[in-house]
Amino acid sequence: MFQTDPPRSPKDYLPTMYDLPSENPEEPGLPDEFHLLQPRLLEETFLPPDYLSEDVFTGSDLNLYYDVRHTGWYKRPDWFGVVGISRLYEQRDLRLSYVSWQEGVNPIVVVELLSPGTEREDLGQTLRDVDQPPTKWEVYERVLRIPYYIVFNRYTDELQVFRLEGGSYSKIEATPPRFWFEELRLGLGLWEGTYQGIERQWLRWFDALGNWIPTPLERQSDLVEQERQRTERLIAQLRSLGIEPDL
């Protein structure tokens, strides 16, 4: 390709998300229910306090294009989070996929939910031929250099967190499994509770005080409860003055 002077940005001449496929029709099957619910809970509680909601993007089962030399290569993380970027593509459109050379900002955290058929690749235990695309681990660690890589096995409830240090991932140990990410001012841990009617251990974000960040539905329920308590206090005050409220 003819090189201009000064060089053009890859954003100016490489494919955009409108040019690249957003799914592969040859990949059989759809995510199981856990692969739908767990990413949703991560999204609902991923609220970094230093960023406005419109400056945070999360993706689930979304093509993540990463290589300017092989523009058709992608990975499809179960969930990933990006900060310091518009919630909408170019501040105007919902994303069909996430194209790293167009976005200019790589994810800060990625989560893979282990499946029996993907466990070895998710944990960087597979080898590849030189003419094959890199593995997930290689892409996250060496190409996109994502600061945090999280792997969760729902069959054993094992949570593993890897942090990028000196160009490679190092496993972080924590007991109990609650991890703090200073760059986000958020923590991630295993929460035992009921989400969407299913009781189990879930991955969930928590704040600097160690409190689990509520979902929108929980925040709404809290507001309703606060209003109920306020009303009860008001009724009690009126009755203490000898006034029977008209309910």
C-alpha atoms as a PDB file:
ATOM      1  CA  MET A   1       0.000   0.000   0.000  1.00  0.00           C
ATOM      2  CA  PHE A   2       1.287   3.465  -0.901  1.00  0.00           C
ATOM      3  CA  GLN A   3       2.482   5.294   2.208  1.00  0.00           C
ATOM      4  CA  THR A   4       1.594   8.968   2.481  1.00  0.00           C
ATOM      5  CA  ASP A   5       3.664  11.630   4.147  1.00  0.00           C
ATOM      6  CA  PRO A   6       2.693  12.177   6.892  1.00  0.00           C
ATOM      7  CA  PRO A   7       1.370   8.605   7.379  1.00  0.00           C
ATOM      8  CA  ARG A   8      -2.384   8.218   7.452  1.00  0.00           C
ATOM      9  CA  SER A   9      -4.076   6.897  10.548  1.00  0.00           C
ATOM     10  CA  PRO A  10      -5.451   3.342  10.214  1.00  0.00           C
ATOM     11  CA  LYS A  11      -8.795   4.850  11.146  1.00  0.00           C
ATOM     12  CA  ASP A  12      -8.819   6.691   7.829  1.00  0.00           C
ATOM     13  CA  TYR A  13      -8.414   3.738   5.463  1.00  0.00           C
ATOM     14  CA  LEU A  14      -9.075   0.437   7.275  1.00  0.00           C
ATOM     15  CA  PRO A  15     -12.576  -1.093   7.540  1.00  0.00           C
ATOM     16  CA  THR A  16     -15.037   0.323  10.032  1.00  0.00           C
ATOM     17  CA  MET A  17     -17.652  -1.611  11.988  1.00  0.00           C
ATOM     18  CA  TYR A  18     -20.056  -0.978   9.106  1.00  0.00           C
ATOM     19  CA  ASP A  19     -17.735  -2.873   6.769  1.00  0.00           C
ATOM     20  CA  LEU A  20     -16.964  -5.861   9.001  1.00  0.00           C
ATOM     21  CA  PRO A  21     -19.379  -8.698   9.877  1.00  0.00           C
ATOM     22  CA  SER A  22     -20.941  -8.489  13.324  1.00  0.00           C
ATOM     23  CA  GLU A  23     -21.437 -12.254  13.594  1.00  0.00           C
ATOM     24  CA  ASN A  24     -20.271 -15.483  12.034  1.00  0.00           C
ATOM     25  CA  PRO A  25     -23.168 -17.540  10.662  1.00  0.00           C
ATOM     26  CA  GLU A  26     -20.916 -20.627  10.642  1.00  0.00           C
ATOM     27  CA  GLU A  27     -20.553 -20.593  14.424  1.00  0.00           C
ATOM     28  CA  PRO A  28     -23.237 -23.000  15.700  1.00  0.00           C
ATOM     29  CA  GLY A  29     -25.499 -22.375  18.653  1.00  0.00           C
ATOM     30  CA  LEU A  30     -26.308 -19.416  20.839  1.00  0.00           C
ATOM     31  CA  PRO A  31     -25.017 -18.544  24.322  1.00  0.00           C
ATOM     32  CA  ASP A  32     -26.587 -20.565  27.124  1.00  0.00           C
ATOM     33  CA  GLU A  33     -28.711 -18.742  29.688  1.00  0.00           C
ATOM     34  CA  PHE A  34     -25.850 -18.182  32.119  1.00  0.00           C
ATOM     35  CA  HIS A  35     -23.841 -16.559  29.316  1.00  0.00           C
ATOM     36  CA  LEU A  36     -26.741 -14.145  28.878  1.00  0.00           C
ATOM     37  CA  LEU A  37     -27.475 -13.361  32.543  1.00  0.00           C
ATOM     38  CA  GLN A  38     -23.964 -13.046  33.976  1.00  0.00           C
ATOM     39  CA  PRO A  39     -22.767 -10.435  31.449  1.00  0.00           C
ATOM     40  CA  ARG A  40     -25.980  -8.489  32.050  1.00  0.00           C
ATOM     41  CA  LEU A  41     -25.286  -8.329  35.789  1.00  0.00           C
ATOM     42  CA  LEU A  42     -21.721  -7.215  35.102  1.00  0.00           C
ATOM     43  CA  GLU A  43     -22.999  -4.462  32.821  1.00  0.00           C
ATOM     44  CA  GLU A  44     -25.656  -3.262  35.270  1.00  0.00           C
ATOM     45  CA  THR A  45     -23.162  -2.931  38.131  1.00  0.00           C
ATOM     46  CA  PHE A  46     -20.162  -1.629  36.171  1.00  0.00           C
ATOM     47  CA  LEU A  47     -20.317   2.004  37.299  1.00  0.00           C
ATOM     48  CA  PRO A  48     -16.787   3.451  37.604  1.00  0.00           C
ATOM     49  CA  PRO A  49     -17.246   6.573  39.782  1.00  0.00           C
ATOM     50  CA  ASP A  50     -14.750   8.693  37.838  1.00  0.00           C
ATOM     51  CA  TYR A  51     -16.666   8.364  34.563  1.00  0.00           C
ATOM     52  CA  LEU A  52     -20.078   9.499  33.406  1.00  0.00           C
ATOM     53  CA  SER A  53     -22.333   6.760  32.106  1.00  0.00           C
ATOM     54  CA  GLU A  54     -22.068   8.175  28.593  1.00  0.00           C
ATOM     55  CA  ASP A  55     -18.274   7.708  28.766  1.00  0.00           C
ATOM     56  CA  VAL A  56     -18.440   3.979  29.527  1.00  0.00           C
ATOM     57  CA  PHE A  57     -19.077   1.132  27.097  1.00  0.00           C
ATOM     58  CA  THR A  58     -19.575  -2.547  27.811  1.00  0.00           C
ATOM     59  CA  GLY A  59     -19.877  -5.332  25.278  1.00  0.00           C
ATOM     60  CA  SER A  60     -21.111  -8.889  25.560  1.00  0.00           C
ATOM     61  CA  ASP A  61     -20.655 -11.558  22.887  1.00  0.00           C
ATOM     62  CA  LEU A  62     -19.627  -8.748  20.526  1.00  0.00           C
ATOM     63  CA  ASN A  63     -16.961  -9.084  17.830  1.00  0.00           C
ATOM     64  CA  LEU A  64     -13.747  -7.387  18.965  1.00  0.00           C
ATOM     65  CA  TYR A  65     -11.494  -6.651  15.960  1.00  0.00           C
ATOM     66  CA  TYR A  66      -7.869  -6.161  16.924  1.00  0.00           C
ATOM     67  CA  ASP A  67      -5.343  -6.514  14.066  1.00  0.00           C
ATOM     68  CA  VAL A  68      -4.730  -3.833  11.430  1.00  0.00           C
ATOM     69  CA  ARG A  69      -2.824  -6.384   9.311  1.00  0.00           C
ATOM     70  CA  HIS A  70      -5.637  -8.942   9.426  1.00  0.00           C
ATOM     71  CA  THR A  71      -8.767  -6.864   9.564  1.00  0.00           C
ATOM     72  CA  GLY A  72     -11.072  -9.870   9.506  1.00  0.00           C
ATOM     73  CA  TRP A  73      -9.635 -11.408  12.669  1.00  0.00           C
ATOM     74  CA  TYR A  74     -11.635 -10.959  15.848  1.00  0.00           C
ATOM     75  CA  LYS A  75     -12.323 -12.362  19.283  1.00  0.00           C
ATOM     76  CA  ARG A  76     -15.737 -12.482  20.911  1.00  0.00           C
ATOM     77  CA  PRO A  77     -15.346 -11.925  24.677  1.00  0.00           C
ATOM     78  CA  ASP A  78     -18.156 -12.966  26.962  1.00  0.00           C
ATOM     79  CA  TRP A  79     -17.949  -9.461  28.462  1.00  0.00           C
ATOM     80  CA  PHE A  80     -15.610  -6.476  28.321  1.00  0.00           C
ATOM     81  CA  GLY A  81     -15.560  -2.924  29.638  1.00  0.00           C
ATOM     82  CA  VAL A  82     -14.105   0.248  28.156  1.00  0.00           C
ATOM     83  CA  VAL A  83     -13.791   3.622  29.905  1.00  0.00           C
ATOM     84  CA  GLY A  84     -13.085   7.064  28.530  1.00  0.00           C
ATOM     85  CA  ILE A  85     -14.992   6.455  25.310  1.00  0.00           C
ATOM     86  CA  SER A  86     -18.423   7.417  24.071  1.00  0.00           C
ATOM     87  CA  ARG A  87     -21.203   4.994  24.930  1.00  0.00           C
ATOM     88  CA  LEU A  88     -22.222   5.317  21.264  1.00  0.00           C
ATOM     89  CA  TYR A  89     -20.023   4.779  18.232  1.00  0.00           C
ATOM     90  CA  GLU A  90     -18.812   8.217  17.158  1.00  0.00           C
ATOM     91  CA  GLN A  91     -21.390   9.548  19.658  1.00  0.00           C
ATOM     92  CA  ARG A  92     -24.288   8.684  17.386  1.00  0.00           C
ATOM     93  CA  ASP A  93     -24.816   4.965  16.727  1.00  0.00           C
ATOM     94  CA  LEU A  94     -25.166   1.678  18.560  1.00  0.00           C
ATOM     95  CA  ARG A  95     -22.154  -0.542  17.966  1.00  0.00           C
ATOM     96  CA  LEU A  96     -22.350  -3.541  15.657  1.00  0.00           C
ATOM     97  CA  SER A  97     -18.890  -4.630  16.830  1.00  0.00           C
ATOM     98  CA  TYR A  98     -15.842  -3.066  18.487  1.00  0.00           C
ATOM     99  CA  VAL A  99     -13.075  -2.175  16.021  1.00  0.00           C
ATOM    100  CA  SER A 100      -9.947  -1.263  17.959  1.00  0.00           C
ATOM    101  CA  TRP A 101      -8.267   0.814  15.231  1.00  0.00           C
ATOM    102  CA  GLN A 102     -11.413   2.875  14.784  1.00  0.00           C
ATOM    103  CA  GLU A 103     -12.114   3.339  18.490  1.00  0.00           C
ATOM    104  CA  GLY A 104      -8.602   4.256  19.582  1.00  0.00           C
ATOM    105  CA  VAL A 105      -9.284   2.954  23.117  1.00  0.00           C
ATOM    106  CA  ASN A 106      -8.844  -0.686  24.116  1.00  0.00           C
ATOM    107  CA  PRO A 107     -10.869  -2.419  26.827  1.00  0.00           C
ATOM    108  CA  ILE A 108      -9.579  -2.087  30.373  1.00  0.00           C
ATOM    109  CA  VAL A 109     -11.075  -5.377  31.516  1.00  0.00           C
ATOM    110  CA  VAL A 110     -12.300  -8.527  29.816  1.00  0.00           C
ATOM    111  CA  VAL A 111     -14.205 -11.481  31.284  1.00  0.00           C
ATOM    112  CA  GLU A 112     -14.393 -14.991  29.916  1.00  0.00           C
ATOM    113  CA  LEU A 113     -16.888 -17.500  31.320  1.00  0.00           C
ATOM    114  CA  LEU A 114     -15.309 -20.917  31.076  1.00  0.00           C
ATOM    115  CA  SER A 115     -16.985 -23.607  29.032  1.00  0.00           C
ATOM    116  CA  PRO A 116     -15.708 -27.195  28.811  1.00  0.00           C
ATOM    117  CA  GLY A 117     -14.745 -26.675  25.161  1.00  0.00           C
ATOM    118  CA  THR A 118     -12.940 -23.341  25.617  1.00  0.00           C
ATOM    119  CA  GLU A 119     -11.213 -23.730  28.994  1.00  0.00           C
ATOM    120  CA  ARG A 120      -7.715 -24.454  27.686  1.00  0.00           C
ATOM    121  CA  GLU A 121      -7.755 -21.532  25.253  1.00  0.00           C
ATOM    122  CA  ASP A 122      -9.270 -19.148  27.811  1.00  0.00           C
ATOM    123  CA  LEU A 123      -6.411 -19.979  30.209  1.00  0.00           C
ATOM    124  CA  GLY A 124      -3.673 -19.688  27.589  1.00  0.00           C
ATOM    125  CA  GLN A 125      -2.932 -23.408  27.526  1.00  0.00           C
ATOM    126  CA  THR A 126      -3.280 -24.017  23.791  1.00  0.00           C
ATOM    127  CA  LEU A 127      -0.751 -23.753  20.976  1.00  0.00           C
ATOM    128  CA  ARG A 128      -1.429 -22.539  17.464  1.00  0.00           C
ATOM    129  CA  ASP A 129       0.152 -22.863  14.053  1.00  0.00           C
ATOM    130  CA  VAL A 130       2.093 -19.841  12.852  1.00  0.00           C
ATOM    131  CA  ASP A 131      -0.451 -19.174  10.111  1.00  0.00           C
ATOM    132  CA  GLN A 132      -3.413 -19.251  12.513  1.00  0.00           C
ATOM    133  CA  PRO A 133      -4.888 -16.272  14.379  1.00  0.00           C
ATOM    134  CA  PRO A 134      -3.561 -15.778  17.927  1.00  0.00           C
ATOM    135  CA  THR A 135      -5.457 -17.220  20.868  1.00  0.00           C
ATOM    136  CA  LYS A 136      -7.683 -15.149  23.160  1.00  0.00           C
ATOM    137  CA  TRP A 137      -4.951 -15.038  25.770  1.00  0.00           C
ATOM    138  CA  GLU A 138      -2.390 -13.799  23.243  1.00  0.00           C
ATOM    139  CA  VAL A 139      -4.733 -11.135  21.893  1.00  0.00           C
ATOM    140  CA  TYR A 140      -5.704  -9.813  25.309  1.00  0.00           C
ATOM    141  CA  GLU A 141      -2.146  -9.942  26.677  1.00  0.00           C
ATOM    142  CA  ARG A 142       0.106  -9.051  23.750  1.00  0.00           C
ATOM    143  CA  VAL A 143      -1.987  -7.320  21.104  1.00  0.00           C
ATOM    144  CA  LEU A 144      -4.607  -5.272  22.933  1.00  0.00           C
ATOM    145  CA  ARG A 145      -2.677  -5.292  26.230  1.00  0.00           C
ATOM    146  CA  ILE A 146      -5.834  -5.323  28.295  1.00  0.00           C
ATOM    147  CA  PRO A 147      -4.867  -4.502  31.909  1.00  0.00           C
ATOM    148  CA  TYR A 148      -7.164  -7.065  33.534  1.00  0.00           C
ATOM    149  CA  TYR A 149      -8.223 -10.489  32.307  1.00  0.00           C
ATOM    150  CA  ILE A 150     -10.824 -12.337  34.389  1.00  0.00           C
ATOM    151  CA  VAL A 151     -11.816 -15.965  34.059  1.00  0.00           C
ATOM    152  CA  PHE A 152     -14.785 -17.493  35.901  1.00  0.00           C
ATOM    153  CA  ASN A 153     -15.753 -21.148  36.064  1.00  0.00           C
ATOM    154  CA  ARG A 154     -19.421 -21.366  37.006  1.00  0.00           C
ATOM    155  CA  TYR A 155     -19.188 -25.126  37.505  1.00  0.00           C
ATOM    156  CA  THR A 156     -16.666 -24.791  40.339  1.00  0.00           C
ATOM    157  CA  ASP A 157     -17.256 -21.088  41.195  1.00  0.00           C
ATOM    158  CA  GLU A 158     -13.532 -20.516  40.733  1.00  0.00           C
ATOM    159  CA  LEU A 159     -12.620 -16.915  39.963  1.00  0.00           C
ATOM    160  CA  GLN A 160      -9.202 -16.126  38.502  1.00  0.00           C
ATOM    161  CA  VAL A 161      -7.923 -12.599  37.904  1.00  0.00           C
ATOM    162  CA  PHE A 162      -4.825 -11.775  35.865  1.00  0.00           C
ATOM    163  CA  ARG A 163      -3.135  -8.365  35.775  1.00  0.00           C
ATOM    164  CA  LEU A 164      -0.837  -7.198  32.993  1.00  0.00           C
ATOM    165  CA  GLU A 165       2.641  -6.700  34.463  1.00  0.00           C
ATOM    166  CA  GLY A 166       5.731  -6.163  32.344  1.00  0.00           C
ATOM    167  CA  GLY A 167       4.005  -7.305  29.177  1.00  0.00           C
ATOM    168  CA  SER A 168       2.552 -10.555  30.528  1.00  0.00           C
ATOM    169  CA  TYR A 169      -0.310 -11.621  32.749  1.00  0.00           C
ATOM    170  CA  SER A 170       0.320 -12.418  36.394  1.00  0.00           C
ATOM    171  CA  LYS A 171      -2.320 -14.090  38.514  1.00  0.00           C
ATOM    172  CA  ILE A 172      -3.591 -12.107  41.500  1.00  0.00           C
ATOM    173  CA  GLU A 173      -4.331 -14.069  44.652  1.00  0.00           C
ATOM    174  CA  ALA A 174      -7.104 -13.003  47.025  1.00  0.00           C
ATOM    175  CA  THR A 175      -8.979 -14.837  49.781  1.00  0.00           C
ATOM    176  CA  PRO A 176     -11.921 -14.508  49.729  1.00  0.00           C
ATOM    177  CA  PRO A 177     -12.028 -13.829  45.987  1.00  0.00           C
ATOM    178  CA  ARG A 178     -12.621 -10.062  46.037  1.00  0.00           C
ATOM    179  CA  PHE A 179     -10.350  -7.998  43.816  1.00  0.00           C
ATOM    180  CA  TRP A 180      -9.854  -4.226  43.779  1.00  0.00           C
ATOM    181  CA  PHE A 181      -8.998  -2.391  40.533  1.00  0.00           C
ATOM    182  CA  GLU A 182      -7.531   0.983  41.419  1.00  0.00           C
ATOM    183  CA  GLU A 183      -7.731   2.329  37.850  1.00  0.00           C
ATOM    184  CA  LEU A 184     -11.494   1.840  37.932  1.00  0.00           C
ATOM    185  CA  ARG A 185     -12.029   2.472  41.639  1.00  0.00           C
ATOM    186  CA  LEU A 186     -14.190  -0.630  41.511  1.00  0.00           C
ATOM    187  CA  GLY A 187     -13.861  -4.126  42.882  1.00  0.00           C
ATOM    188  CA  LEU A 188     -15.079  -7.465  41.597  1.00  0.00           C
ATOM    189  CA  GLY A 189     -16.048 -10.466  43.650  1.00  0.00           C
ATOM    190  CA  LEU A 190     -18.369 -13.432  44.051  1.00  0.00           C
ATOM    191  CA  TRP A 191     -21.818 -12.471  45.303  1.00  0.00           C
ATOM    192  CA  GLU A 192     -24.172 -15.080  46.679  1.00  0.00           C
ATOM    193  CA  GLY A 193     -27.672 -13.957  45.806  1.00  0.00           C
ATOM    194  CA  THR A 194     -30.675 -14.064  43.509  1.00  0.00           C
ATOM    195  CA  TYR A 195     -30.529 -12.393  40.110  1.00  0.00           C
ATOM    196  CA  GLN A 196     -33.318 -12.744  37.543  1.00  0.00           C
ATOM    197  CA  GLY A 197     -34.896 -15.365  39.783  1.00  0.00           C
ATOM    198  CA  ILE A 198     -31.763 -17.553  39.909  1.00  0.00           C
ATOM    199  CA  GLU A 199     -29.906 -18.021  43.194  1.00  0.00           C
ATOM    200  CA  ARG A 200     -26.202 -18.849  42.893  1.00  0.00           C
ATOM    201  CA  GLN A 201     -22.791 -17.207  43.043  1.00  0.00           C
ATOM    202  CA  TRP A 202     -22.474 -14.396  40.546  1.00  0.00           C
ATOM    203  CA  LEU A 203     -19.657 -12.103  39.460  1.00  0.00           C
ATOM    204  CA  ARG A 204     -20.529  -8.609  40.631  1.00  0.00           C
ATOM    205  CA  TRP A 205     -18.868  -5.204  41.026  1.00  0.00           C
ATOM    206  CA  PHE A 206     -18.552  -3.483  44.409  1.00  0.00           C
ATOM    207  CA  ASP A 207     -17.610   0.041  45.498  1.00  0.00           C
ATOM    208  CA  ALA A 208     -14.792   1.460  47.627  1.00  0.00           C
ATOM    209  CA  LEU A 209     -16.743   0.736  50.813  1.00  0.00           C
ATOM    210  CA  GLY A 210     -17.160  -2.907  49.853  1.00  0.00           C
ATOM    211  CA  ASN A 211     -20.854  -2.536  49.064  1.00  0.00           C
ATOM    212  CA  TRP A 212     -22.265  -4.445  46.100  1.00  0.00           C
ATOM    213  CA  ILE A 213     -23.320  -1.948  43.458  1.00  0.00           C
ATOM    214  CA  PRO A 214     -27.109  -2.205  43.011  1.00  0.00           C
ATOM    215  CA  THR A 215     -28.777  -3.012  39.723  1.00  0.00           C
ATOM    216  CA  PRO A 216     -31.317  -0.533  38.283  1.00  0.00           C
ATOM    217  CA  LEU A 217     -34.155  -2.718  39.622  1.00  0.00           C
ATOM    218  CA  GLU A 218     -32.612  -2.789  43.090  1.00  0.00           C
ATOM    219  CA  ARG A 219     -32.126   0.983  43.038  1.00  0.00           C
ATOM    220  CA  GLN A 220     -35.787   1.409  42.110  1.00  0.00           C
ATOM    221  CA  SER A 221     -36.848  -0.936  44.928  1.00  0.00           C
ATOM    222  CA  ASP A 222     -34.673   1.012  47.367  1.00  0.00           C
ATOM    223  CA  LEU A 223     -36.345   4.270  46.351  1.00  0.00           C
ATOM    224  CA  VAL A 224     -39.785   2.733  46.838  1.00  0.00           C
ATOM    225  CA  GLU A 225     -38.780   1.468  50.288  1.00  0.00           C
ATOM    226  CA  GLN A 226     -37.338   4.866  51.254  1.00  0.00           C
ATOM    227  CA  GLU A 227     -40.570   6.552  50.204  1.00  0.00           C
ATOM    228  CA  ARG A 228     -42.608   4.034  52.206  1.00  0.00           C
ATOM    229  CA  GLN A 229     -40.528   4.697  55.313  1.00  0.00           C
ATOM    230  CA  ARG A 230     -40.789   8.452  54.822  1.00  0.00           C
ATOM    231  CA  THR A 231     -44.566   8.160  54.559  1.00  0.00           C
ATOM    232  CA  GLU A 232     -44.751   6.056  57.730  1.00  0.00           C
ATOM    233  CA  ARG A 233     -42.670   8.615  59.637  1.00  0.00           C
ATOM    234  CA  LEU A 234     -44.926  11.418  58.453  1.00  0.00           C
ATOM    235  CA  ILE A 235     -48.058   9.511  59.502  1.00  0.00           C
ATOM    236  CA  ALA A 236     -46.541   8.860  62.941  1.00  0.00           C
ATOM    237  CA  GLN A 237     -45.703  12.546  63.359  1.00  0.00           C
ATOM    238  CA  LEU A 238     -49.248  13.585  62.451  1.00  0.00           C
ATOM    239  CA  ARG A 239     -50.779  11.086  64.866  1.00  0.00           C
ATOM    240  CA  SER A 240     -48.473  12.305  67.645  1.00  0.00           C
ATOM    241  CA  LEU A 241     -50.063  15.720  67.113  1.00  0.00           C
ATOM    242  CA  GLY A 242     -53.559  14.262  67.343  1.00  0.00           C
ATOM    243  CA  ILE A 243     -54.168  14.429  63.624  1.00  0.00           C
ATOM    244  CA  GLU A 244     -55.498  11.364  61.877  1.00  0.00           C
ATOM    245  CA  PRO A 245     -54.172  11.398  58.305  1.00  0.00           C
ATOM    246  CA  ASP A 246     -56.615  10.889  55.476  1.00  0.00           C
ATOM    247  CA  LEU A 247     -55.142   7.787  53.837  1.00  0.00           C
END
